[in-house]
Amino acid sequence: MPRGLVRATKVAWTVSVIAIATALGALLGWENHGLIGAIALGFVGFVVGIFVSYPSMILQLLT
């Protein structure tokens, strides 16, 4: 497989997972706690998204 395609796939995966986790955190925060909750849980979602986007990090934490 071409190296550029693999890299583009990894970048797309990372960006999409972080964006989805951040959006879900902000949505849940907004519905349950208002603006401050949206900001706080959006940040938490961002951090969780970083960890989830790299499966090797998850395996490292579990072992």
Protein backbone atom coordinates (compact mmCIF):
# COMPACT_ATOMS: atom_id res chain seq x y z
CA MET A 1 0.00 0.00 0.00
CA PRO A 2 1.38 3.44 -0.84
CA ARG A 3 2.87 5.27 2.12
CA GLY A 4 0.89 8.45 1.40
CA LEU A 5 -2.43 6.60 1.49
CA VAL A 6 -1.61 5.04 4.86
CA ARG A 7 -0.61 8.41 6.29
CA ALA A 8 -3.73 10.12 4.94
CA THR A 9 -5.91 7.39 6.44
CA LYS A 10 -4.24 7.77 9.84
CA VAL A 11 -4.69 11.55 9.76
CA ALA A 12 -8.35 11.25 8.74
CA TRP A 13 -8.97 8.68 11.50
CA THR A 14 -7.30 10.81 14.17
CA VAL A 15 -9.08 14.02 13.20
CA SER A 16 -12.49 12.36 12.95
CA VAL A 17 -12.24 10.52 16.27
CA ILE A 18 -11.06 13.63 18.14
CA ALA A 19 -13.78 15.76 16.53
CA ILE A 20 -16.53 13.26 17.34
CA ALA A 21 -15.38 12.84 20.96
CA THR A 22 -15.17 16.62 21.42
CA ALA A 23 -18.61 17.17 19.89
CA LEU A 24 -20.20 14.45 22.02
CA GLY A 25 -18.63 15.87 25.17
CA ALA A 26 -19.80 19.38 24.34
CA LEU A 27 -23.30 18.17 23.50
CA LEU A 28 -23.66 16.23 26.73
CA GLY A 29 -22.23 19.12 28.71
CA TRP A 30 -24.57 21.61 27.06
CA GLU A 31 -27.68 19.50 27.68
CA ASN A 32 -26.89 18.71 31.30
CA HIS A 33 -24.87 21.68 32.62
CA GLY A 34 -25.16 24.62 30.22
CA LEU A 35 -22.30 26.61 28.74
CA ILE A 36 -19.68 25.82 31.38
CA GLY A 37 -20.51 22.13 31.16
CA ALA A 38 -20.20 22.24 27.38
CA ILE A 39 -16.76 23.81 27.61
CA ALA A 40 -15.57 21.44 30.33
CA LEU A 41 -16.94 18.24 28.83
CA GLY A 42 -15.85 19.33 25.35
CA PHE A 43 -12.30 19.54 26.69
CA VAL A 44 -12.66 16.15 28.38
CA GLY A 45 -13.97 14.73 25.11
CA PHE A 46 -10.98 16.20 23.30
CA VAL A 47 -8.53 14.51 25.69
CA VAL A 48 -10.40 11.20 25.53
CA GLY A 49 -10.45 11.49 21.74
CA ILE A 50 -6.68 11.83 21.68
CA PHE A 51 -6.30 8.62 23.64
CA VAL A 52 -8.93 6.73 21.64
CA SER A 53 -7.47 7.78 18.30
CA TYR A 54 -4.28 5.83 19.01
CA PRO A 55 -5.17 2.17 19.73
CA SER A 56 -1.60 1.46 20.84
CA MET A 57 -2.05 3.99 23.68
CA ILE A 58 -5.17 2.18 24.88
CA LEU A 59 -3.36 -1.16 24.87
CA GLN A 60 -0.41 0.38 26.72
CA LEU A 61 -2.74 1.70 29.45
CA LEU A 62 -4.53 -1.65 29.79
CA THR A 63 -1.37 -3.73 30.17
